[in-house]
Amino acid sequence: MPKQKPVQSVIHAKDVDISVVSNIGKDDYISLTDIAKYHNSELPGYVIQNWMRNRSTIEFLGLWETINNSGFNCLEFEVIKQDAGSNHFVMTPKAWIRNTRAS
């Protein structure tokens, strides 16, 4: 059976185009970068990075991964959660995925 290509569509919210990638029979993905462009169209990566510094965000992401990802590194998550929200804490999506095996 040939592999099916993901279907990409766009939703419009508050004058922002947000990409949605749908894989038939699998999960759909909404572009966090496109959503962040609403707050800063030139530097959406900084918006995401600041959002990921928040302890509540880290706790939400950890809960999501714990429920939906059997390969999630819970021990590394606990280390990250302890530092989240402090002045020295920095987190990016790439670091989160690499360190916790997030999906």
PDB file of N, CA and C in Angstrom:
ATOM      1  N   MET A   1       0.840  -1.174   0.000  1.00  0.00           N
ATOM      2  CA  MET A   1       0.000   0.000   0.000  1.00  0.00           C
ATOM      3  C   MET A   1       0.887   1.240   0.000  1.00  0.00           C
ATOM      4  N   PRO A   2       0.681   2.177  -0.931  1.00  0.00           N
ATOM      5  CA  PRO A   2       1.515   3.376  -0.977  1.00  0.00           C
ATOM      6  C   PRO A   2       1.246   4.290   0.213  1.00  0.00           C
ATOM      7  N   LYS A   3       2.319   4.928   0.659  1.00  0.00           N
ATOM      8  CA  LYS A   3       2.204   5.861   1.779  1.00  0.00           C
ATOM      9  C   LYS A   3       1.425   7.096   1.333  1.00  0.00           C
ATOM     10  N   GLN A   4       0.427   7.488   2.130  1.00  0.00           N
ATOM     11  CA  GLN A   4      -0.382   8.643   1.780  1.00  0.00           C
ATOM     12  C   GLN A   4       0.302   9.914   2.255  1.00  0.00           C
ATOM     13  N   LYS A   5       0.256  10.928   1.412  1.00  0.00           N
ATOM     14  CA  LYS A   5       0.856  12.212   1.755  1.00  0.00           C
ATOM     15  C   LYS A   5      -0.066  12.974   2.693  1.00  0.00           C
ATOM     16  N   PRO A   6       0.542  13.739   3.611  1.00  0.00           N
ATOM     17  CA  PRO A   6      -0.291  14.561   4.488  1.00  0.00           C
ATOM     18  C   PRO A   6      -1.037  15.621   3.679  1.00  0.00           C
ATOM     19  N   VAL A   7      -2.188  15.996   4.165  1.00  0.00           N
ATOM     20  CA  VAL A   7      -2.994  17.034   3.537  1.00  0.00           C
ATOM     21  C   VAL A   7      -2.796  18.308   4.333  1.00  0.00           C
ATOM     22  N   GLN A   8      -2.425  19.383   3.641  1.00  0.00           N
ATOM     23  CA  GLN A   8      -2.223  20.652   4.332  1.00  0.00           C
ATOM     24  C   GLN A   8      -3.366  21.593   3.994  1.00  0.00           C
ATOM     25  N   SER A   9      -3.902  22.205   5.038  1.00  0.00           N
ATOM     26  CA  SER A   9      -4.956  23.188   4.855  1.00  0.00           C
ATOM     27  C   SER A   9      -4.627  24.392   5.722  1.00  0.00           C
ATOM     28  N   VAL A  10      -5.462  25.398   5.629  1.00  0.00           N
ATOM     29  CA  VAL A  10      -5.239  26.628   6.381  1.00  0.00           C
ATOM     30  C   VAL A  10      -6.545  27.032   7.048  1.00  0.00           C
ATOM     31  N   ILE A  11      -6.438  27.413   8.316  1.00  0.00           N
ATOM     32  CA  ILE A  11      -7.577  28.022   8.995  1.00  0.00           C
ATOM     33  C   ILE A  11      -7.232  29.486   9.239  1.00  0.00           C
ATOM     34  N   HIS A  12      -8.226  30.315   9.304  1.00  0.00           N
ATOM     35  CA  HIS A  12      -8.018  31.749   9.496  1.00  0.00           C
ATOM     36  C   HIS A  12      -8.590  32.142  10.861  1.00  0.00           C
ATOM     37  N   ALA A  13      -7.759  32.788  11.678  1.00  0.00           N
ATOM     38  CA  ALA A  13      -8.200  33.245  12.998  1.00  0.00           C
ATOM     39  C   ALA A  13      -7.553  34.589  13.291  1.00  0.00           C
ATOM     40  N   LYS A  14      -8.362  35.577  13.588  1.00  0.00           N
ATOM     41  CA  LYS A  14      -7.878  36.924  13.926  1.00  0.00           C
ATOM     42  C   LYS A  14      -6.871  37.431  12.897  1.00  0.00           C
ATOM     43  N   ASP A  15      -7.220  37.321  11.635  1.00  0.00           N
ATOM     44  CA  ASP A  15      -6.400  37.797  10.518  1.00  0.00           C
ATOM     45  C   ASP A  15      -5.053  37.089  10.384  1.00  0.00           C
ATOM     46  N   VAL A  16      -4.952  35.882  10.919  1.00  0.00           N
ATOM     47  CA  VAL A  16      -3.726  35.094  10.809  1.00  0.00           C
ATOM     48  C   VAL A  16      -4.065  33.785  10.115  1.00  0.00           C
ATOM     49  N   ASP A  17      -3.257  33.405   9.119  1.00  0.00           N
ATOM     50  CA  ASP A  17      -3.391  32.103   8.472  1.00  0.00           C
ATOM     51  C   ASP A  17      -2.602  31.081   9.282  1.00  0.00           C
ATOM     52  N   ILE A  18      -3.263  30.011   9.687  1.00  0.00           N
ATOM     53  CA  ILE A  18      -2.633  28.978  10.503  1.00  0.00           C
ATOM     54  C   ILE A  18      -2.668  27.667   9.730  1.00  0.00           C
ATOM     55  N   SER A  19      -1.490  27.100   9.485  1.00  0.00           N
ATOM     56  CA  SER A  19      -1.385  25.847   8.743  1.00  0.00           C
ATOM     57  C   SER A  19      -1.815  24.672   9.607  1.00  0.00           C
ATOM     58  N   VAL A  20      -2.531  23.749   8.971  1.00  0.00           N
ATOM     59  CA  VAL A  20      -2.948  22.512   9.622  1.00  0.00           C
ATOM     60  C   VAL A  20      -2.523  21.377   8.706  1.00  0.00           C
ATOM     61  N   VAL A  21      -1.777  20.417   9.261  1.00  0.00           N
ATOM     62  CA  VAL A  21      -1.348  19.258   8.492  1.00  0.00           C
ATOM     63  C   VAL A  21      -2.110  18.052   9.018  1.00  0.00           C
ATOM     64  N   SER A  22      -2.817  17.380   8.123  1.00  0.00           N
ATOM     65  CA  SER A  22      -3.613  16.213   8.491  1.00  0.00           C
ATOM     66  C   SER A  22      -3.027  14.977   7.825  1.00  0.00           C
ATOM     67  N   ASN A  23      -2.770  13.971   8.639  1.00  0.00           N
ATOM     68  CA  ASN A  23      -2.338  12.669   8.147  1.00  0.00           C
ATOM     69  C   ASN A  23      -3.505  11.721   8.319  1.00  0.00           C
ATOM     70  N   ILE A  24      -4.003  11.181   7.237  1.00  0.00           N
ATOM     71  CA  ILE A  24      -5.187  10.326   7.281  1.00  0.00           C
ATOM     72  C   ILE A  24      -4.930   9.146   8.221  1.00  0.00           C
ATOM     73  N   GLY A  25      -5.804   9.001   9.205  1.00  0.00           N
ATOM     74  CA  GLY A  25      -5.676   7.916  10.165  1.00  0.00           C
ATOM     75  C   GLY A  25      -4.686   8.186  11.278  1.00  0.00           C
ATOM     76  N   LYS A  26      -4.086   9.376  11.300  1.00  0.00           N
ATOM     77  CA  LYS A  26      -3.099   9.721  12.325  1.00  0.00           C
ATOM     78  C   LYS A  26      -3.465  11.074  12.922  1.00  0.00           C
ATOM     79  N   ASP A  27      -2.546  11.625  13.685  1.00  0.00           N
ATOM     80  CA  ASP A  27      -2.778  12.912  14.339  1.00  0.00           C
ATOM     81  C   ASP A  27      -2.695  14.068  13.347  1.00  0.00           C
ATOM     82  N   ASP A  28      -3.392  15.155  13.689  1.00  0.00           N
ATOM     83  CA  ASP A  28      -3.310  16.402  12.946  1.00  0.00           C
ATOM     84  C   ASP A  28      -2.375  17.339  13.707  1.00  0.00           C
ATOM     85  N   TYR A  29      -1.733  18.235  12.984  1.00  0.00           N
ATOM     86  CA  TYR A  29      -0.807  19.182  13.591  1.00  0.00           C
ATOM     87  C   TYR A  29      -1.181  20.597  13.185  1.00  0.00           C
ATOM     88  N   ILE A  30      -1.196  21.492  14.169  1.00  0.00           N
ATOM     89  CA  ILE A  30      -1.459  22.903  13.932  1.00  0.00           C
ATOM     90  C   ILE A  30      -0.153  23.643  14.153  1.00  0.00           C
ATOM     91  N   SER A  31       0.177  24.560  13.268  1.00  0.00           N
ATOM     92  CA  SER A  31       1.441  25.278  13.345  1.00  0.00           C
ATOM     93  C   SER A  31       1.468  26.266  14.503  1.00  0.00           C
ATOM     94  N   LEU A  32       2.283  25.958  15.506  1.00  0.00           N
ATOM     95  CA  LEU A  32       2.468  26.871  16.637  1.00  0.00           C
ATOM     96  C   LEU A  32       3.153  28.154  16.173  1.00  0.00           C
ATOM     97  N   THR A  33       4.038  28.046  15.204  1.00  0.00           N
ATOM     98  CA  THR A  33       4.721  29.228  14.666  1.00  0.00           C
ATOM     99  C   THR A  33       3.721  30.197  14.049  1.00  0.00           C
ATOM    100  N   ASP A  34       2.775  29.669  13.293  1.00  0.00           N
ATOM    101  CA  ASP A  34       1.767  30.537  12.685  1.00  0.00           C
ATOM    102  C   ASP A  34       0.927  31.231  13.757  1.00  0.00           C
ATOM    103  N   ILE A  35       0.596  30.523  14.832  1.00  0.00           N
ATOM    104  CA  ILE A  35      -0.164  31.132  15.923  1.00  0.00           C
ATOM    105  C   ILE A  35       0.664  32.222  16.596  1.00  0.00           C
ATOM    106  N   ALA A  36       1.943  31.976  16.803  1.00  0.00           N
ATOM    107  CA  ALA A  36       2.823  32.954  17.457  1.00  0.00           C
ATOM    108  C   ALA A  36       3.000  34.213  16.609  1.00  0.00           C
ATOM    109  N   LYS A  37       2.821  34.082  15.303  1.00  0.00           N
ATOM    110  CA  LYS A  37       2.942  35.257  14.427  1.00  0.00           C
ATOM    111  C   LYS A  37       1.883  36.312  14.748  1.00  0.00           C
ATOM    112  N   TYR A  38       0.811  35.919  15.388  1.00  0.00           N
ATOM    113  CA  TYR A  38      -0.215  36.881  15.785  1.00  0.00           C
ATOM    114  C   TYR A  38       0.366  37.911  16.759  1.00  0.00           C
ATOM    115  N   HIS A  39       1.263  37.466  17.635  1.00  0.00           N
ATOM    116  CA  HIS A  39       1.867  38.361  18.633  1.00  0.00           C
ATOM    117  C   HIS A  39       3.111  39.065  18.114  1.00  0.00           C
ATOM    118  N   ASN A  40       3.866  38.394  17.254  1.00  0.00           N
ATOM    119  CA  ASN A  40       5.079  39.005  16.706  1.00  0.00           C
ATOM    120  C   ASN A  40       5.357  38.357  15.356  1.00  0.00           C
ATOM    121  N   SER A  41       4.948  39.022  14.303  1.00  0.00           N
ATOM    122  CA  SER A  41       5.061  38.434  12.962  1.00  0.00           C
ATOM    123  C   SER A  41       6.509  38.303  12.500  1.00  0.00           C
ATOM    124  N   GLU A  42       7.408  39.095  13.040  1.00  0.00           N
ATOM    125  CA  GLU A  42       8.811  39.037  12.620  1.00  0.00           C
ATOM    126  C   GLU A  42       9.640  38.020  13.406  1.00  0.00           C
ATOM    127  N   LEU A  43       9.285  37.780  14.674  1.00  0.00           N
ATOM    128  CA  LEU A  43      10.068  36.873  15.518  1.00  0.00           C
ATOM    129  C   LEU A  43       9.172  35.893  16.285  1.00  0.00           C
ATOM    130  N   PRO A  44       8.422  35.061  15.575  1.00  0.00           N
ATOM    131  CA  PRO A  44       7.520  34.140  16.274  1.00  0.00           C
ATOM    132  C   PRO A  44       8.263  33.116  17.139  1.00  0.00           C
ATOM    133  N   GLY A  45       9.490  32.808  16.784  1.00  0.00           N
ATOM    134  CA  GLY A  45      10.283  31.865  17.581  1.00  0.00           C
ATOM    135  C   GLY A  45      10.508  32.352  18.999  1.00  0.00           C
ATOM    136  N   TYR A  46      10.669  33.663  19.163  1.00  0.00           N
ATOM    137  CA  TYR A  46      10.848  34.232  20.503  1.00  0.00           C
ATOM    138  C   TYR A  46       9.567  34.122  21.321  1.00  0.00           C
ATOM    139  N   VAL A  47       8.430  34.276  20.666  1.00  0.00           N
ATOM    140  CA  VAL A  47       7.146  34.135  21.355  1.00  0.00           C
ATOM    141  C   VAL A  47       7.019  32.705  21.887  1.00  0.00           C
ATOM    142  N   ILE A  48       7.350  31.728  21.052  1.00  0.00           N
ATOM    143  CA  ILE A  48       7.264  30.322  21.452  1.00  0.00           C
ATOM    144  C   ILE A  48       8.246  30.030  22.579  1.00  0.00           C
ATOM    145  N   GLN A  49       9.460  30.525  22.464  1.00  0.00           N
ATOM    146  CA  GLN A  49      10.474  30.289  23.485  1.00  0.00           C
ATOM    147  C   GLN A  49      10.029  30.885  24.829  1.00  0.00           C
ATOM    148  N   ASN A  50       9.471  32.081  24.815  1.00  0.00           N
ATOM    149  CA  ASN A  50       8.992  32.686  26.061  1.00  0.00           C
ATOM    150  C   ASN A  50       7.814  31.908  26.640  1.00  0.00           C
ATOM    151  N   TRP A  51       6.921  31.423  25.786  1.00  0.00           N
ATOM    152  CA  TRP A  51       5.789  30.610  26.232  1.00  0.00           C
ATOM    153  C   TRP A  51       6.288  29.330  26.893  1.00  0.00           C
ATOM    154  N   MET A  52       7.353  28.746  26.325  1.00  0.00           N
ATOM    155  CA  MET A  52       7.887  27.495  26.855  1.00  0.00           C
ATOM    156  C   MET A  52       8.704  27.683  28.136  1.00  0.00           C
ATOM    157  N   ARG A  53       8.973  28.908  28.528  1.00  0.00           N
ATOM    158  CA  ARG A  53       9.666  29.164  29.795  1.00  0.00           C
ATOM    159  C   ARG A  53       8.695  29.063  30.972  1.00  0.00           C
ATOM    160  N   ASN A  54       7.425  29.172  30.695  1.00  0.00           N
ATOM    161  CA  ASN A  54       6.387  29.214  31.718  1.00  0.00           C
ATOM    162  C   ASN A  54       6.193  27.834  32.352  1.00  0.00           C
ATOM    163  N   ARG A  55       6.175  27.788  33.651  1.00  0.00           N
ATOM    164  CA  ARG A  55       6.007  26.515  34.364  1.00  0.00           C
ATOM    165  C   ARG A  55       4.687  25.836  33.997  1.00  0.00           C
ATOM    166  N   SER A  56       3.629  26.604  33.871  1.00  0.00           N
ATOM    167  CA  SER A  56       2.328  26.022  33.512  1.00  0.00           C
ATOM    168  C   SER A  56       2.368  25.370  32.139  1.00  0.00           C
ATOM    169  N   THR A  57       3.080  25.972  31.213  1.00  0.00           N
ATOM    170  CA  THR A  57       3.230  25.391  29.874  1.00  0.00           C
ATOM    171  C   THR A  57       3.957  24.060  29.954  1.00  0.00           C
ATOM    172  N   ILE A  58       5.051  24.030  30.692  1.00  0.00           N
ATOM    173  CA  ILE A  58       5.836  22.799  30.836  1.00  0.00           C
ATOM    174  C   ILE A  58       5.000  21.711  31.499  1.00  0.00           C
ATOM    175  N   GLU A  59       4.238  22.072  32.530  1.00  0.00           N
ATOM    176  CA  GLU A  59       3.377  21.085  33.180  1.00  0.00           C
ATOM    177  C   GLU A  59       2.317  20.546  32.219  1.00  0.00           C
ATOM    178  N   PHE A  60       1.730  21.428  31.411  1.00  0.00           N
ATOM    179  CA  PHE A  60       0.743  20.992  30.419  1.00  0.00           C
ATOM    180  C   PHE A  60       1.380  20.044  29.402  1.00  0.00           C
ATOM    181  N   LEU A  61       2.539  20.436  28.856  1.00  0.00           N
ATOM    182  CA  LEU A  61       3.212  19.594  27.866  1.00  0.00           C
ATOM    183  C   LEU A  61       3.593  18.242  28.465  1.00  0.00           C
ATOM    184  N   GLY A  62       4.059  18.253  29.709  1.00  0.00           N
ATOM    185  CA  GLY A  62       4.420  17.000  30.371  1.00  0.00           C
ATOM    186  C   GLY A  62       3.219  16.092  30.573  1.00  0.00           C
ATOM    187  N   LEU A  63       2.096  16.660  30.971  1.00  0.00           N
ATOM    188  CA  LEU A  63       0.881  15.866  31.150  1.00  0.00           C
ATOM    189  C   LEU A  63       0.420  15.289  29.811  1.00  0.00           C
ATOM    190  N   TRP A  64       0.434  16.129  28.779  1.00  0.00           N
ATOM    191  CA  TRP A  64       0.042  15.674  27.439  1.00  0.00           C
ATOM    192  C   TRP A  64       0.903  14.491  26.998  1.00  0.00           C
ATOM    193  N   GLU A  65       2.213  14.625  27.141  1.00  0.00           N
ATOM    194  CA  GLU A  65       3.124  13.559  26.709  1.00  0.00           C
ATOM    195  C   GLU A  65       2.959  12.307  27.568  1.00  0.00           C
ATOM    196  N   THR A  66       2.756  12.478  28.856  1.00  0.00           N
ATOM    197  CA  THR A  66       2.569  11.326  29.740  1.00  0.00           C
ATOM    198  C   THR A  66       1.355  10.509  29.311  1.00  0.00           C
ATOM    199  N   ILE A  67       0.288  11.187  28.926  1.00  0.00           N
ATOM    200  CA  ILE A  67      -0.939  10.509  28.505  1.00  0.00           C
ATOM    201  C   ILE A  67      -0.796   9.896  27.113  1.00  0.00           C
ATOM    202  N   ASN A  68      -0.111  10.592  26.201  1.00  0.00           N
ATOM    203  CA  ASN A  68      -0.129  10.208  24.787  1.00  0.00           C
ATOM    204  C   ASN A  68       1.164   9.606  24.247  1.00  0.00           C
ATOM    205  N   ASN A  69       2.223   9.546  25.036  1.00  0.00           N
ATOM    206  CA  ASN A  69       3.514   9.101  24.512  1.00  0.00           C
ATOM    207  C   ASN A  69       4.160   8.126  25.489  1.00  0.00           C
ATOM    208  N   SER A  70       4.117   6.850  25.154  1.00  0.00           N
ATOM    209  CA  SER A  70       4.695   5.830  26.044  1.00  0.00           C
ATOM    210  C   SER A  70       6.216   5.932  26.127  1.00  0.00           C
ATOM    211  N   GLY A  71       6.855   6.596  25.169  1.00  0.00           N
ATOM    212  CA  GLY A  71       8.306   6.741  25.188  1.00  0.00           C
ATOM    213  C   GLY A  71       8.795   8.014  25.858  1.00  0.00           C
ATOM    214  N   PHE A  72       7.874   8.774  26.445  1.00  0.00           N
ATOM    215  CA  PHE A  72       8.219  10.050  27.078  1.00  0.00           C
ATOM    216  C   PHE A  72       9.172   9.822  28.249  1.00  0.00           C
ATOM    217  N   ASN A  73      10.204  10.655  28.329  1.00  0.00           N
ATOM    218  CA  ASN A  73      11.213  10.550  29.380  1.00  0.00           C
ATOM    219  C   ASN A  73      10.735  11.339  30.606  1.00  0.00           C
ATOM    220  N   CYS A  74      10.008  10.661  31.469  1.00  0.00           N
ATOM    221  CA  CYS A  74       9.422  11.310  32.651  1.00  0.00           C
ATOM    222  C   CYS A  74      10.479  11.816  33.624  1.00  0.00           C
ATOM    223  N   LEU A  75      11.606  11.118  33.732  1.00  0.00           N
ATOM    224  CA  LEU A  75      12.657  11.563  34.654  1.00  0.00           C
ATOM    225  C   LEU A  75      13.254  12.888  34.202  1.00  0.00           C
ATOM    226  N   GLU A  76      13.524  13.015  32.924  1.00  0.00           N
ATOM    227  CA  GLU A  76      14.053  14.285  32.403  1.00  0.00           C
ATOM    228  C   GLU A  76      13.008  15.388  32.525  1.00  0.00           C
ATOM    229  N   PHE A  77      11.754  15.027  32.327  1.00  0.00           N
ATOM    230  CA  PHE A  77      10.679  16.002  32.493  1.00  0.00           C
ATOM    231  C   PHE A  77      10.683  16.582  33.903  1.00  0.00           C
ATOM    232  N   GLU A  78      10.864  15.751  34.921  1.00  0.00           N
ATOM    233  CA  GLU A  78      10.875  16.237  36.304  1.00  0.00           C
ATOM    234  C   GLU A  78      12.009  17.232  36.531  1.00  0.00           C
ATOM    235  N   VAL A  79      13.163  16.996  35.935  1.00  0.00           N
ATOM    236  CA  VAL A  79      14.295  17.930  36.043  1.00  0.00           C
ATOM    237  C   VAL A  79      13.934  19.256  35.388  1.00  0.00           C
ATOM    238  N   ILE A  80      13.349  19.187  34.212  1.00  0.00           N
ATOM    239  CA  ILE A  80      12.947  20.397  33.479  1.00  0.00           C
ATOM    240  C   ILE A  80      11.887  21.155  34.271  1.00  0.00           C
ATOM    241  N   LYS A  81      10.912  20.434  34.805  1.00  0.00           N
ATOM    242  CA  LYS A  81       9.818  21.074  35.536  1.00  0.00           C
ATOM    243  C   LYS A  81      10.328  21.828  36.767  1.00  0.00           C
ATOM    244  N   GLN A  82      11.347  21.308  37.418  1.00  0.00           N
ATOM    245  CA  GLN A  82      11.907  21.990  38.596  1.00  0.00           C
ATOM    246  C   GLN A  82      12.475  23.356  38.226  1.00  0.00           C
ATOM    247  N   ASP A  83      13.091  23.465  37.054  1.00  0.00           N
ATOM    248  CA  ASP A  83      13.714  24.724  36.629  1.00  0.00           C
ATOM    249  C   ASP A  83      12.749  25.676  35.941  1.00  0.00           C
ATOM    250  N   ALA A  84      11.649  25.148  35.421  1.00  0.00           N
ATOM    251  CA  ALA A  84      10.710  25.962  34.647  1.00  0.00           C
ATOM    252  C   ALA A  84      10.225  27.166  35.446  1.00  0.00           C
ATOM    253  N   GLY A  85      10.176  28.306  34.780  1.00  0.00           N
ATOM    254  CA  GLY A  85       9.704  29.528  35.398  1.00  0.00           C
ATOM    255  C   GLY A  85      10.776  30.349  36.082  1.00  0.00           C
ATOM    256  N   SER A  86      11.952  29.771  36.305  1.00  0.00           N
ATOM    257  CA  SER A  86      13.029  30.536  36.939  1.00  0.00           C
ATOM    258  C   SER A  86      13.676  31.474  35.918  1.00  0.00           C
ATOM    259  N   ASN A  87      14.382  32.465  36.411  1.00  0.00           N
ATOM    260  CA  ASN A  87      15.005  33.452  35.526  1.00  0.00           C
ATOM    261  C   ASN A  87      16.015  32.843  34.555  1.00  0.00           C
ATOM    262  N   HIS A  88      16.701  31.793  34.968  1.00  0.00           N
ATOM    263  CA  HIS A  88      17.732  31.197  34.115  1.00  0.00           C
ATOM    264  C   HIS A  88      17.194  30.140  33.145  1.00  0.00           C
ATOM    265  N   PHE A  89      15.925  29.780  33.273  1.00  0.00           N
ATOM    266  CA  PHE A  89      15.364  28.687  32.475  1.00  0.00           C
ATOM    267  C   PHE A  89      15.088  29.121  31.036  1.00  0.00           C
ATOM    268  N   VAL A  90      15.561  28.317  30.105  1.00  0.00           N
ATOM    269  CA  VAL A  90      15.313  28.533  28.676  1.00  0.00           C
ATOM    270  C   VAL A  90      14.889  27.194  28.084  1.00  0.00           C
ATOM    271  N   MET A  91      13.837  27.215  27.269  1.00  0.00           N
ATOM    272  CA  MET A  91      13.387  25.995  26.611  1.00  0.00           C
ATOM    273  C   MET A  91      12.940  26.330  25.196  1.00  0.00           C
ATOM    274  N   THR A  92      13.284  25.451  24.267  1.00  0.00           N
ATOM    275  CA  THR A  92      12.852  25.566  22.880  1.00  0.00           C
ATOM    276  C   THR A  92      12.141  24.267  22.498  1.00  0.00           C
ATOM    277  N   PRO A  93      11.347  24.291  21.445  1.00  0.00           N
ATOM    278  CA  PRO A  93      10.704  23.041  21.015  1.00  0.00           C
ATOM    279  C   PRO A  93      11.722  21.937  20.706  1.00  0.00           C
ATOM    280  N   LYS A  94      12.820  22.281  20.035  1.00  0.00           N
ATOM    281  CA  LYS A  94      13.838  21.268  19.709  1.00  0.00           C
ATOM    282  C   LYS A  94      14.444  20.661  20.963  1.00  0.00           C
ATOM    283  N   ALA A  95      14.758  21.497  21.957  1.00  0.00           N
ATOM    284  CA  ALA A  95      15.335  20.990  23.204  1.00  0.00           C
ATOM    285  C   ALA A  95      14.319  20.125  23.949  1.00  0.00           C
ATOM    286  N   TRP A  96      13.062  20.540  23.956  1.00  0.00           N
ATOM    287  CA  TRP A  96      12.011  19.765  24.618  1.00  0.00           C
ATOM    288  C   TRP A  96      11.902  18.373  23.991  1.00  0.00           C
ATOM    289  N   ILE A  97      11.847  18.317  22.674  1.00  0.00           N
ATOM    290  CA  ILE A  97      11.716  17.031  21.965  1.00  0.00           C
ATOM    291  C   ILE A  97      12.950  16.167  22.200  1.00  0.00           C
ATOM    292  N   ARG A  98      14.117  16.755  22.079  1.00  0.00           N
ATOM    293  CA  ARG A  98      15.370  16.008  22.252  1.00  0.00           C
ATOM    294  C   ARG A  98      15.503  15.471  23.670  1.00  0.00           C
ATOM    295  N   ASN A  99      15.250  16.295  24.673  1.00  0.00           N
ATOM    296  CA  ASN A  99      15.495  15.911  26.053  1.00  0.00           C
ATOM    297  C   ASN A  99      14.428  14.987  26.634  1.00  0.00           C
ATOM    298  N   THR A 100      13.210  15.101  26.182  1.00  0.00           N
ATOM    299  CA  THR A 100      12.124  14.309  26.777  1.00  0.00           C
ATOM    300  C   THR A 100      11.599  13.204  25.866  1.00  0.00           C
ATOM    301  N   ARG A 101      12.105  13.153  24.651  1.00  0.00           N
ATOM    302  CA  ARG A 101      11.586  12.223  23.644  1.00  0.00           C
ATOM    303  C   ARG A 101      10.099  12.483  23.386  1.00  0.00           C
ATOM    304  N   ALA A 102       9.743  13.760  23.392  1.00  0.00           N
ATOM    305  CA  ALA A 102       8.361  14.140  23.106  1.00  0.00           C
ATOM    306  C   ALA A 102       8.016  13.810  21.670  1.00  0.00           C
ATOM    307  N   SER A 103       6.748  13.570  21.443  1.00  0.00           N
ATOM    308  CA  SER A 103       6.333  13.243  20.073  1.00  0.00           C
ATOM    309  C   SER A 103       5.558  14.368  19.447  1.00  0.00           C
TER     310      SER A 103
END
